[in-house]
């Protein structure tokens, strides 16, 4: 049985592959997207910034639960916030987050 020669392709892959540390970080990032509550929060923020109380009302959850999930999202640079008086408003951190959500949604809904 003749073996295939993949050496050229394997060398190209090895030359352009990120290190284990960045791949581990990437896997951890995708784990953050693996929670339905966090996805609901992110999807809600696609429309614009919201305060915690608005997110609580929208998702029908208590403030403690929402604040915990927002901290996870903020710690992973997926959401950012701004303070206006005593109210904190949350929004998607950047267009990369919007693109990740949109691409995932497109992938799931394509025919």
PDB file of N, CA and C in Angstrom:
ATOM      1  N   UNK A   1       0.838  -1.168   0.000  1.00  0.00           N
ATOM      2  CA  UNK A   1       0.000   0.000   0.000  1.00  0.00           C
ATOM      3  C   UNK A   1       0.894   1.245   0.000  1.00  0.00           C
ATOM      4  N   UNK A   2       0.603   2.155  -0.909  1.00  0.00           N
ATOM      5  CA  UNK A   2       1.400   3.366  -1.054  1.00  0.00           C
ATOM      6  C   UNK A   2       0.934   4.433  -0.065  1.00  0.00           C
ATOM      7  N   UNK A   3       1.894   5.037   0.622  1.00  0.00           N
ATOM      8  CA  UNK A   3       1.595   6.130   1.550  1.00  0.00           C
ATOM      9  C   UNK A   3       1.494   7.433   0.776  1.00  0.00           C
ATOM     10  N   UNK A   4       0.600   8.279   1.236  1.00  0.00           N
ATOM     11  CA  UNK A   4       0.480   9.606   0.634  1.00  0.00           C
ATOM     12  C   UNK A   4       1.586  10.502   1.180  1.00  0.00           C
ATOM     13  N   UNK A   5       2.055  11.387   0.344  1.00  0.00           N
ATOM     14  CA  UNK A   5       3.076  12.332   0.786  1.00  0.00           C
ATOM     15  C   UNK A   5       2.406  13.660   1.136  1.00  0.00           C
ATOM     16  N   UNK A   6       2.260  13.892   2.425  1.00  0.00           N
ATOM     17  CA  UNK A   6       1.642  15.118   2.916  1.00  0.00           C
ATOM     18  C   UNK A   6       2.674  16.075   3.508  1.00  0.00           C
ATOM     19  N   UNK A   7       3.921  15.807   3.273  1.00  0.00           N
ATOM     20  CA  UNK A   7       4.973  16.560   3.960  1.00  0.00           C
ATOM     21  C   UNK A   7       4.891  18.064   3.696  1.00  0.00           C
ATOM     22  N   UNK A   8       4.609  18.463   2.463  1.00  0.00           N
ATOM     23  CA  UNK A   8       4.520  19.892   2.151  1.00  0.00           C
ATOM     24  C   UNK A   8       3.390  20.570   2.916  1.00  0.00           C
ATOM     25  N   UNK A   9       2.247  19.924   2.934  1.00  0.00           N
ATOM     26  CA  UNK A   9       1.098  20.481   3.645  1.00  0.00           C
ATOM     27  C   UNK A   9       1.339  20.497   5.148  1.00  0.00           C
ATOM     28  N   UNK A  10       1.926  19.434   5.668  1.00  0.00           N
ATOM     29  CA  UNK A  10       2.200  19.371   7.104  1.00  0.00           C
ATOM     30  C   UNK A  10       3.186  20.447   7.531  1.00  0.00           C
ATOM     31  N   UNK A  11       4.199  20.694   6.730  1.00  0.00           N
ATOM     32  CA  UNK A  11       5.163  21.752   7.046  1.00  0.00           C
ATOM     33  C   UNK A  11       4.493  23.127   7.042  1.00  0.00           C
ATOM     34  N   UNK A  12       3.597  23.335   6.078  1.00  0.00           N
ATOM     35  CA  UNK A  12       2.874  24.614   5.999  1.00  0.00           C
ATOM     36  C   UNK A  12       2.006  24.802   7.242  1.00  0.00           C
ATOM     37  N   UNK A  13       1.304  23.742   7.645  1.00  0.00           N
ATOM     38  CA  UNK A  13       0.447  23.820   8.829  1.00  0.00           C
ATOM     39  C   UNK A  13       1.290  24.103  10.071  1.00  0.00           C
ATOM     40  N   UNK A  14       2.401  23.387  10.213  1.00  0.00           N
ATOM     41  CA  UNK A  14       3.280  23.586  11.372  1.00  0.00           C
ATOM     42  C   UNK A  14       3.818  25.016  11.422  1.00  0.00           C
ATOM     43  N   UNK A  15       4.153  25.560  10.263  1.00  0.00           N
ATOM     44  CA  UNK A  15       4.724  26.910  10.205  1.00  0.00           C
ATOM     45  C   UNK A  15       3.712  27.993  10.584  1.00  0.00           C
ATOM     46  N   UNK A  16       2.438  27.737  10.335  1.00  0.00           N
ATOM     47  CA  UNK A  16       1.421  28.759  10.562  1.00  0.00           C
ATOM     48  C   UNK A  16       0.522  28.478  11.767  1.00  0.00           C
ATOM     49  N   UNK A  17       0.741  27.394  12.455  1.00  0.00           N
ATOM     50  CA  UNK A  17      -0.107  27.048  13.602  1.00  0.00           C
ATOM     51  C   UNK A  17       0.282  27.882  14.819  1.00  0.00           C
ATOM     52  N   UNK A  18      -0.728  28.367  15.538  1.00  0.00           N
ATOM     53  CA  UNK A  18      -0.427  29.098  16.777  1.00  0.00           C
ATOM     54  C   UNK A  18       0.057  28.126  17.848  1.00  0.00           C
ATOM     55  N   UNK A  19       0.671  28.651  18.864  1.00  0.00           N
ATOM     56  CA  UNK A  19       1.169  27.826  19.955  1.00  0.00           C
ATOM     57  C   UNK A  19       0.039  27.275  20.811  1.00  0.00           C
ATOM     58  N   UNK A  20       0.391  26.318  21.644  1.00  0.00           N
ATOM     59  CA  UNK A  20      -0.598  25.672  22.506  1.00  0.00           C
ATOM     60  C   UNK A  20      -1.276  26.671  23.447  1.00  0.00           C
ATOM     61  N   UNK A  21      -0.532  27.657  23.918  1.00  0.00           N
ATOM     62  CA  UNK A  21      -1.102  28.631  24.857  1.00  0.00           C
ATOM     63  C   UNK A  21      -2.248  29.407  24.223  1.00  0.00           C
ATOM     64  N   UNK A  22      -2.056  29.887  22.999  1.00  0.00           N
ATOM     65  CA  UNK A  22      -3.119  30.656  22.340  1.00  0.00           C
ATOM     66  C   UNK A  22      -4.289  29.746  21.979  1.00  0.00           C
ATOM     67  N   UNK A  23      -4.023  28.501  21.620  1.00  0.00           N
ATOM     68  CA  UNK A  23      -5.117  27.571  21.328  1.00  0.00           C
ATOM     69  C   UNK A  23      -5.912  27.247  22.590  1.00  0.00           C
ATOM     70  N   UNK A  24      -5.237  27.163  23.716  1.00  0.00           N
ATOM     71  CA  UNK A  24      -5.911  26.954  24.998  1.00  0.00           C
ATOM     72  C   UNK A  24      -6.779  28.165  25.334  1.00  0.00           C
ATOM     73  N   UNK A  25      -6.243  29.368  25.118  1.00  0.00           N
ATOM     74  CA  UNK A  25      -7.009  30.590  25.352  1.00  0.00           C
ATOM     75  C   UNK A  25      -8.235  30.649  24.439  1.00  0.00           C
ATOM     76  N   UNK A  26      -8.068  30.223  23.190  1.00  0.00           N
ATOM     77  CA  UNK A  26      -9.183  30.207  22.245  1.00  0.00           C
ATOM     78  C   UNK A  26     -10.262  29.223  22.698  1.00  0.00           C
ATOM     79  N   UNK A  27      -9.844  28.053  23.152  1.00  0.00           N
ATOM     80  CA  UNK A  27     -10.804  27.067  23.663  1.00  0.00           C
ATOM     81  C   UNK A  27     -11.555  27.636  24.870  1.00  0.00           C
ATOM     82  N   UNK A  28     -10.838  28.326  25.762  1.00  0.00           N
ATOM     83  CA  UNK A  28     -11.480  28.939  26.931  1.00  0.00           C
ATOM     84  C   UNK A  28     -12.485  30.011  26.514  1.00  0.00           C
ATOM     85  N   UNK A  29     -12.136  30.791  25.498  1.00  0.00           N
ATOM     86  CA  UNK A  29     -13.056  31.810  25.003  1.00  0.00           C
ATOM     87  C   UNK A  29     -14.343  31.174  24.507  1.00  0.00           C
ATOM     88  N   UNK A  30     -14.230  30.095  23.752  1.00  0.00           N
ATOM     89  CA  UNK A  30     -15.431  29.446  23.230  1.00  0.00           C
ATOM     90  C   UNK A  30     -16.250  28.795  24.340  1.00  0.00           C
ATOM     91  N   UNK A  31     -15.627  28.432  25.433  1.00  0.00           N
ATOM     92  CA  UNK A  31     -16.376  27.906  26.583  1.00  0.00           C
ATOM     93  C   UNK A  31     -17.308  28.975  27.147  1.00  0.00           C
ATOM     94  N   UNK A  32     -16.881  30.230  27.100  1.00  0.00           N
ATOM     95  CA  UNK A  32     -17.715  31.323  27.593  1.00  0.00           C
ATOM     96  C   UNK A  32     -19.008  31.398  26.774  1.00  0.00           C
ATOM     97  N   UNK A  33     -18.913  31.123  25.494  1.00  0.00           N
ATOM     98  CA  UNK A  33     -20.087  31.134  24.627  1.00  0.00           C
ATOM     99  C   UNK A  33     -20.973  29.904  24.856  1.00  0.00           C
ATOM    100  N   UNK A  34     -20.508  28.956  25.651  1.00  0.00           N
ATOM    101  CA  UNK A  34     -21.222  27.708  25.866  1.00  0.00           C
ATOM    102  C   UNK A  34     -22.304  27.773  26.935  1.00  0.00           C
ATOM    103  N   UNK A  35     -22.661  28.946  27.385  1.00  0.00           N
ATOM    104  CA  UNK A  35     -23.687  29.094  28.409  1.00  0.00           C
ATOM    105  C   UNK A  35     -24.873  29.859  27.819  1.00  0.00           C
ATOM    106  N   UNK A  36     -26.076  29.285  27.935  1.00  0.00           N
ATOM    107  CA  UNK A  36     -27.263  29.890  27.328  1.00  0.00           C
ATOM    108  C   UNK A  36     -27.560  31.271  27.894  1.00  0.00           C
ATOM    109  N   UNK A  37     -27.411  31.455  29.184  1.00  0.00           N
ATOM    110  CA  UNK A  37     -27.677  32.772  29.777  1.00  0.00           C
ATOM    111  C   UNK A  37     -26.724  33.815  29.217  1.00  0.00           C
ATOM    112  N   UNK A  38     -25.452  33.476  29.131  1.00  0.00           N
ATOM    113  CA  UNK A  38     -24.485  34.437  28.573  1.00  0.00           C
ATOM    114  C   UNK A  38     -24.805  34.741  27.112  1.00  0.00           C
ATOM    115  N   UNK A  39     -25.226  33.728  26.362  1.00  0.00           N
ATOM    116  CA  UNK A  39     -25.589  33.963  24.957  1.00  0.00           C
ATOM    117  C   UNK A  39     -26.824  34.857  24.858  1.00  0.00           C
ATOM    118  N   UNK A  40     -27.775  34.665  25.755  1.00  0.00           N
ATOM    119  CA  UNK A  40     -28.969  35.523  25.760  1.00  0.00           C
ATOM    120  C   UNK A  40     -28.583  36.973  26.058  1.00  0.00           C
ATOM    121  N   UNK A  41     -27.667  37.160  26.994  1.00  0.00           N
ATOM    122  CA  UNK A  41     -27.196  38.515  27.320  1.00  0.00           C
ATOM    123  C   UNK A  41     -26.501  39.126  26.109  1.00  0.00           C
ATOM    124  N   UNK A  42     -25.569  38.390  25.513  1.00  0.00           N
ATOM    125  CA  UNK A  42     -24.847  38.904  24.348  1.00  0.00           C
ATOM    126  C   UNK A  42     -25.805  39.237  23.213  1.00  0.00           C
ATOM    127  N   UNK A  43     -26.745  38.340  22.965  1.00  0.00           N
ATOM    128  CA  UNK A  43     -27.703  38.578  21.879  1.00  0.00           C
ATOM    129  C   UNK A  43     -28.535  39.829  22.164  1.00  0.00           C
ATOM    130  N   UNK A  44     -28.903  40.037  23.435  1.00  0.00           N
ATOM    131  CA  UNK A  44     -29.658  41.238  23.818  1.00  0.00           C
ATOM    132  C   UNK A  44     -28.854  42.508  23.560  1.00  0.00           C
ATOM    133  N   UNK A  45     -27.557  42.433  23.787  1.00  0.00           N
ATOM    134  CA  UNK A  45     -26.701  43.609  23.628  1.00  0.00           C
ATOM    135  C   UNK A  45     -26.384  43.919  22.164  1.00  0.00           C
ATOM    136  N   UNK A  46     -26.797  43.050  21.256  1.00  0.00           N
ATOM    137  CA  UNK A  46     -26.627  43.345  19.827  1.00  0.00           C
ATOM    138  C   UNK A  46     -27.394  44.612  19.448  1.00  0.00           C
ATOM    139  N   UNK A  47     -28.504  44.866  20.139  1.00  0.00           N
ATOM    140  CA  UNK A  47     -29.351  46.021  19.817  1.00  0.00           C
ATOM    141  C   UNK A  47     -28.827  47.321  20.405  1.00  0.00           C
ATOM    142  N   UNK A  48     -27.968  47.225  21.413  1.00  0.00           N
ATOM    143  CA  UNK A  48     -27.441  48.429  22.048  1.00  0.00           C
ATOM    144  C   UNK A  48     -27.178  48.181  23.521  1.00  0.00           C
ATOM    145  N   UNK A  49     -26.722  49.207  24.190  1.00  0.00           N
ATOM    146  CA  UNK A  49     -26.364  49.053  25.594  1.00  0.00           C
ATOM    147  C   UNK A  49     -27.599  48.933  26.472  1.00  0.00           C
ATOM    148  N   UNK A  50     -27.445  48.174  27.559  1.00  0.00           N
ATOM    149  CA  UNK A  50     -28.530  47.962  28.517  1.00  0.00           C
ATOM    150  C   UNK A  50     -27.977  47.999  29.927  1.00  0.00           C
ATOM    151  N   UNK A  51     -28.793  48.458  30.863  1.00  0.00           N
ATOM    152  CA  UNK A  51     -28.403  48.394  32.264  1.00  0.00           C
ATOM    153  C   UNK A  51     -28.781  47.017  32.810  1.00  0.00           C
ATOM    154  N   UNK A  52     -28.250  46.678  33.976  1.00  0.00           N
ATOM    155  CA  UNK A  52     -28.491  45.369  34.575  1.00  0.00           C
ATOM    156  C   UNK A  52     -29.984  45.137  34.786  1.00  0.00           C
ATOM    157  N   UNK A  53     -30.694  46.148  35.264  1.00  0.00           N
ATOM    158  CA  UNK A  53     -32.124  45.953  35.536  1.00  0.00           C
ATOM    159  C   UNK A  53     -32.900  45.637  34.257  1.00  0.00           C
ATOM    160  N   UNK A  54     -32.519  46.239  33.146  1.00  0.00           N
ATOM    161  CA  UNK A  54     -33.189  45.954  31.875  1.00  0.00           C
ATOM    162  C   UNK A  54     -32.894  44.520  31.426  1.00  0.00           C
ATOM    163  N   UNK A  55     -31.658  44.076  31.601  1.00  0.00           N
ATOM    164  CA  UNK A  55     -31.299  42.698  31.240  1.00  0.00           C
ATOM    165  C   UNK A  55     -32.061  41.716  32.121  1.00  0.00           C
ATOM    166  N   UNK A  56     -32.161  42.016  33.415  1.00  0.00           N
ATOM    167  CA  UNK A  56     -32.916  41.166  34.347  1.00  0.00           C
ATOM    168  C   UNK A  56     -34.367  41.025  33.887  1.00  0.00           C
ATOM    169  N   UNK A  57     -34.969  42.153  33.557  1.00  0.00           N
ATOM    170  CA  UNK A  57     -36.366  42.144  33.113  1.00  0.00           C
ATOM    171  C   UNK A  57     -36.522  41.353  31.813  1.00  0.00           C
ATOM    172  N   UNK A  58     -35.630  41.589  30.894  1.00  0.00           N
ATOM    173  CA  UNK A  58     -35.686  40.929  29.593  1.00  0.00           C
ATOM    174  C   UNK A  58     -35.544  39.413  29.719  1.00  0.00           C
ATOM    175  N   UNK A  59     -34.617  38.972  30.565  1.00  0.00           N
ATOM    176  CA  UNK A  59     -34.343  37.546  30.700  1.00  0.00           C
ATOM    177  C   UNK A  59     -35.150  36.875  31.811  1.00  0.00           C
ATOM    178  N   UNK A  60     -35.840  37.673  32.619  1.00  0.00           N
ATOM    179  CA  UNK A  60     -36.637  37.118  33.704  1.00  0.00           C
ATOM    180  C   UNK A  60     -35.787  36.454  34.777  1.00  0.00           C
ATOM    181  N   UNK A  61     -34.657  37.078  35.085  1.00  0.00           N
ATOM    182  CA  UNK A  61     -33.734  36.534  36.075  1.00  0.00           C
ATOM    183  C   UNK A  61     -33.413  37.592  37.112  1.00  0.00           C
ATOM    184  N   UNK A  62     -32.872  37.159  38.264  1.00  0.00           N
ATOM    185  CA  UNK A  62     -32.544  38.118  39.318  1.00  0.00           C
ATOM    186  C   UNK A  62     -31.208  38.814  39.032  1.00  0.00           C
ATOM    187  N   UNK A  63     -31.007  39.928  39.712  1.00  0.00           N
ATOM    188  CA  UNK A  63     -29.831  40.767  39.474  1.00  0.00           C
ATOM    189  C   UNK A  63     -28.531  40.045  39.803  1.00  0.00           C
ATOM    190  N   UNK A  64     -28.533  39.238  40.836  1.00  0.00           N
ATOM    191  CA  UNK A  64     -27.323  38.519  41.224  1.00  0.00           C
ATOM    192  C   UNK A  64     -26.857  37.583  40.104  1.00  0.00           C
ATOM    193  N   UNK A  65     -27.795  36.847  39.531  1.00  0.00           N
ATOM    194  CA  UNK A  65     -27.454  35.908  38.460  1.00  0.00           C
ATOM    195  C   UNK A  65     -26.936  36.643  37.221  1.00  0.00           C
ATOM    196  N   UNK A  66     -27.590  37.738  36.868  1.00  0.00           N
ATOM    197  CA  UNK A  66     -27.173  38.513  35.699  1.00  0.00           C
ATOM    198  C   UNK A  66     -25.817  39.159  35.945  1.00  0.00           C
ATOM    199  N   UNK A  67     -25.619  39.726  37.124  1.00  0.00           N
ATOM    200  CA  UNK A  67     -24.340  40.367  37.441  1.00  0.00           C
ATOM    201  C   UNK A  67     -23.190  39.368  37.382  1.00  0.00           C
ATOM    202  N   UNK A  68     -23.438  38.160  37.853  1.00  0.00           N
ATOM    203  CA  UNK A  68     -22.402  37.115  37.793  1.00  0.00           C
ATOM    204  C   UNK A  68     -22.025  36.822  36.334  1.00  0.00           C
ATOM    205  N   UNK A  69     -23.017  36.667  35.486  1.00  0.00           N
ATOM    206  CA  UNK A  69     -22.737  36.357  34.073  1.00  0.00           C
ATOM    207  C   UNK A  69     -22.079  37.547  33.371  1.00  0.00           C
ATOM    208  N   UNK A  70     -22.487  38.751  33.714  1.00  0.00           N
ATOM    209  CA  UNK A  70     -21.846  39.935  33.129  1.00  0.00           C
ATOM    210  C   UNK A  70     -20.379  40.020  33.530  1.00  0.00           C
ATOM    211  N   UNK A  71     -20.061  39.627  34.752  1.00  0.00           N
ATOM    212  CA  UNK A  71     -18.660  39.625  35.186  1.00  0.00           C
ATOM    213  C   UNK A  71     -17.843  38.643  34.355  1.00  0.00           C
ATOM    214  N   UNK A  72     -18.392  37.461  34.101  1.00  0.00           N
ATOM    215  CA  UNK A  72     -17.693  36.477  33.270  1.00  0.00           C
ATOM    216  C   UNK A  72     -17.470  37.052  31.866  1.00  0.00           C
ATOM    217  N   UNK A  73     -18.497  37.668  31.311  1.00  0.00           N
ATOM    218  CA  UNK A  73     -18.380  38.254  29.972  1.00  0.00           C
ATOM    219  C   UNK A  73     -17.371  39.403  29.956  1.00  0.00           C
ATOM    220  N   UNK A  74     -17.393  40.226  30.992  1.00  0.00           N
ATOM    221  CA  UNK A  74     -16.457  41.356  31.066  1.00  0.00           C
ATOM    222  C   UNK A  74     -15.026  40.863  31.255  1.00  0.00           C
ATOM    223  N   UNK A  75     -14.841  39.861  32.121  1.00  0.00           N
ATOM    224  CA  UNK A  75     -13.502  39.307  32.362  1.00  0.00           C
ATOM    225  C   UNK A  75     -12.896  38.700  31.100  1.00  0.00           C
ATOM    226  N   UNK A  76     -13.745  38.301  30.163  1.00  0.00           N
ATOM    227  CA  UNK A  76     -13.281  37.718  28.907  1.00  0.00           C
ATOM    228  C   UNK A  76     -13.332  38.713  27.754  1.00  0.00           C
ATOM    229  N   UNK A  77     -13.467  39.991  28.101  1.00  0.00           N
ATOM    230  CA  UNK A  77     -13.448  41.086  27.117  1.00  0.00           C
ATOM    231  C   UNK A  77     -14.511  40.959  26.038  1.00  0.00           C
ATOM    232  N   UNK A  78     -15.665  40.407  26.410  1.00  0.00           N
ATOM    233  CA  UNK A  78     -16.770  40.291  25.457  1.00  0.00           C
ATOM    234  C   UNK A  78     -17.775  41.423  25.630  1.00  0.00           C
ATOM    235  N   UNK A  79     -17.869  41.957  26.837  1.00  0.00           N
ATOM    236  CA  UNK A  79     -18.693  43.139  27.079  1.00  0.00           C
ATOM    237  C   UNK A  79     -17.843  44.182  27.800  1.00  0.00           C
ATOM    238  N   UNK A  80     -18.270  45.410  27.665  1.00  0.00           N
ATOM    239  CA  UNK A  80     -17.645  46.523  28.378  1.00  0.00           C
ATOM    240  C   UNK A  80     -18.787  47.295  29.038  1.00  0.00           C
ATOM    241  N   UNK A  81     -18.446  48.251  29.859  1.00  0.00           N
ATOM    242  CA  UNK A  81     -19.492  49.006  30.538  1.00  0.00           C
ATOM    243  C   UNK A  81     -19.083  50.459  30.702  1.00  0.00           C
ATOM    244  N   UNK A  82     -20.096  51.253  30.988  1.00  0.00           N
ATOM    245  CA  UNK A  82     -19.876  52.658  31.319  1.00  0.00           C
ATOM    246  C   UNK A  82     -20.846  53.008  32.426  1.00  0.00           C
ATOM    247  N   UNK A  83     -20.429  53.912  33.288  1.00  0.00           N
ATOM    248  CA  UNK A  83     -21.245  54.330  34.426  1.00  0.00           C
ATOM    249  C   UNK A  83     -21.851  55.700  34.139  1.00  0.00           C
ATOM    250  N   UNK A  84     -23.125  55.805  34.467  1.00  0.00           N
ATOM    251  CA  UNK A  84     -23.821  57.091  34.378  1.00  0.00           C
ATOM    252  C   UNK A  84     -24.542  57.275  35.705  1.00  0.00           C
ATOM    253  N   UNK A  85     -23.949  58.045  36.599  1.00  0.00           N
ATOM    254  CA  UNK A  85     -24.478  58.162  37.959  1.00  0.00           C
ATOM    255  C   UNK A  85     -24.317  56.828  38.670  1.00  0.00           C
ATOM    256  N   UNK A  86     -25.412  56.294  39.185  1.00  0.00           N
ATOM    257  CA  UNK A  86     -25.369  54.999  39.864  1.00  0.00           C
ATOM    258  C   UNK A  86     -25.657  53.834  38.917  1.00  0.00           C
ATOM    259  N   UNK A  87     -26.009  54.144  37.695  1.00  0.00           N
ATOM    260  CA  UNK A  87     -26.387  53.113  36.737  1.00  0.00           C
ATOM    261  C   UNK A  87     -25.194  52.719  35.871  1.00  0.00           C
ATOM    262  N   UNK A  88     -25.010  51.401  35.708  1.00  0.00           N
ATOM    263  CA  UNK A  88     -23.953  50.877  34.844  1.00  0.00           C
ATOM    264  C   UNK A  88     -24.613  50.297  33.598  1.00  0.00           C
ATOM    265  N   UNK A  89     -24.143  50.737  32.450  1.00  0.00           N
ATOM    266  CA  UNK A  89     -24.657  50.259  31.166  1.00  0.00           C
ATOM    267  C   UNK A  89     -23.631  49.323  30.535  1.00  0.00           C
ATOM    268  N   UNK A  90     -24.111  48.206  30.029  1.00  0.00           N
ATOM    269  CA  UNK A  90     -23.250  47.208  29.393  1.00  0.00           C
ATOM    270  C   UNK A  90     -23.486  47.213  27.893  1.00  0.00           C
ATOM    271  N   UNK A  91     -22.428  46.914  27.157  1.00  0.00           N
ATOM    272  CA  UNK A  91     -22.497  46.863  25.695  1.00  0.00           C
ATOM    273  C   UNK A  91     -21.443  45.884  25.198  1.00  0.00           C
ATOM    274  N   UNK A  92     -21.604  45.431  23.950  1.00  0.00           N
ATOM    275  CA  UNK A  92     -20.620  44.522  23.367  1.00  0.00           C
ATOM    276  C   UNK A  92     -19.276  45.232  23.280  1.00  0.00           C
ATOM    277  N   UNK A  93     -18.225  44.534  23.615  1.00  0.00           N
ATOM    278  CA  UNK A  93     -16.900  45.144  23.715  1.00  0.00           C
ATOM    279  C   UNK A  93     -16.383  45.661  22.376  1.00  0.00           C
ATOM    280  N   UNK A  94     -16.677  44.941  21.296  1.00  0.00           N
ATOM    281  CA  UNK A  94     -16.210  45.386  19.983  1.00  0.00           C
ATOM    282  C   UNK A  94     -16.946  44.629  18.883  1.00  0.00           C
ATOM    283  N   UNK A  95     -16.621  44.966  17.648  1.00  0.00           N
ATOM    284  CA  UNK A  95     -17.299  44.344  16.509  1.00  0.00           C
ATOM    285  C   UNK A  95     -16.941  42.870  16.341  1.00  0.00           C
ATOM    286  N   UNK A  96     -15.816  42.432  16.922  1.00  0.00           N
ATOM    287  CA  UNK A  96     -15.472  41.009  16.841  1.00  0.00           C
ATOM    288  C   UNK A  96     -16.534  40.159  17.530  1.00  0.00           C
ATOM    289  N   UNK A  97     -17.019  40.632  18.668  1.00  0.00           N
ATOM    290  CA  UNK A  97     -18.046  39.898  19.410  1.00  0.00           C
ATOM    291  C   UNK A  97     -19.318  39.807  18.571  1.00  0.00           C
ATOM    292  N   UNK A  98     -19.698  40.921  17.992  1.00  0.00           N
ATOM    293  CA  UNK A  98     -20.880  40.955  17.118  1.00  0.00           C
ATOM    294  C   UNK A  98     -20.709  39.967  15.959  1.00  0.00           C
ATOM    295  N   UNK A  99     -19.535  39.927  15.371  1.00  0.00           N
ATOM    296  CA  UNK A  99     -19.267  39.044  14.242  1.00  0.00           C
ATOM    297  C   UNK A  99     -19.313  37.570  14.653  1.00  0.00           C
ATOM    298  N   UNK A 100     -18.744  37.246  15.815  1.00  0.00           N
ATOM    299  CA  UNK A 100     -18.765  35.861  16.298  1.00  0.00           C
ATOM    300  C   UNK A 100     -20.207  35.392  16.466  1.00  0.00           C
ATOM    301  N   UNK A 101     -21.044  36.228  17.079  1.00  0.00           N
ATOM    302  CA  UNK A 101     -22.448  35.868  17.287  1.00  0.00           C
ATOM    303  C   UNK A 101     -23.163  35.724  15.945  1.00  0.00           C
ATOM    304  N   UNK A 102     -22.954  36.688  15.064  1.00  0.00           N
ATOM    305  CA  UNK A 102     -23.620  36.654  13.756  1.00  0.00           C
ATOM    306  C   UNK A 102     -23.190  35.432  12.944  1.00  0.00           C
ATOM    307  N   UNK A 103     -21.889  35.131  12.946  1.00  0.00           N
ATOM    308  CA  UNK A 103     -21.404  33.981  12.190  1.00  0.00           C
ATOM    309  C   UNK A 103     -21.958  32.670  12.756  1.00  0.00           C
ATOM    310  N   UNK A 104     -22.007  32.570  14.069  1.00  0.00           N
ATOM    311  CA  UNK A 104     -22.575  31.366  14.710  1.00  0.00           C
ATOM    312  C   UNK A 104     -24.037  31.208  14.351  1.00  0.00           C
ATOM    313  N   UNK A 105     -24.780  32.316  14.415  1.00  0.00           N
ATOM    314  CA  UNK A 105     -26.206  32.282  14.081  1.00  0.00           C
ATOM    315  C   UNK A 105     -26.390  31.900  12.624  1.00  0.00           C
ATOM    316  N   UNK A 106     -25.604  32.492  11.712  1.00  0.00           N
ATOM    317  CA  UNK A 106     -25.686  32.170  10.285  1.00  0.00           C
ATOM    318  C   UNK A 106     -25.384  30.694  10.048  1.00  0.00           C
ATOM    319  N   UNK A 107     -24.390  30.184  10.735  1.00  0.00           N
ATOM    320  CA  UNK A 107     -24.016  28.765  10.577  1.00  0.00           C
ATOM    321  C   UNK A 107     -25.183  27.855  10.978  1.00  0.00           C
ATOM    322  N   UNK A 108     -25.838  28.192  12.068  1.00  0.00           N
ATOM    323  CA  UNK A 108     -26.933  27.362  12.572  1.00  0.00           C
ATOM    324  C   UNK A 108     -28.183  27.447  11.714  1.00  0.00           C
ATOM    325  N   UNK A 109     -28.393  28.582  11.063  1.00  0.00           N
ATOM    326  CA  UNK A 109     -29.642  28.781  10.319  1.00  0.00           C
ATOM    327  C   UNK A 109     -29.493  28.603   8.818  1.00  0.00           C
ATOM    328  N   UNK A 110     -28.296  28.282   8.334  1.00  0.00           N
ATOM    329  CA  UNK A 110     -28.153  28.096   6.888  1.00  0.00           C
ATOM    330  C   UNK A 110     -28.828  26.799   6.464  1.00  0.00           C
ATOM    331  N   UNK A 111     -29.339  26.822   5.262  1.00  0.00           N
ATOM    332  CA  UNK A 111     -30.081  25.660   4.746  1.00  0.00           C
ATOM    333  C   UNK A 111     -29.189  24.815   3.868  1.00  0.00           C
TER     334      UNK A 111
END
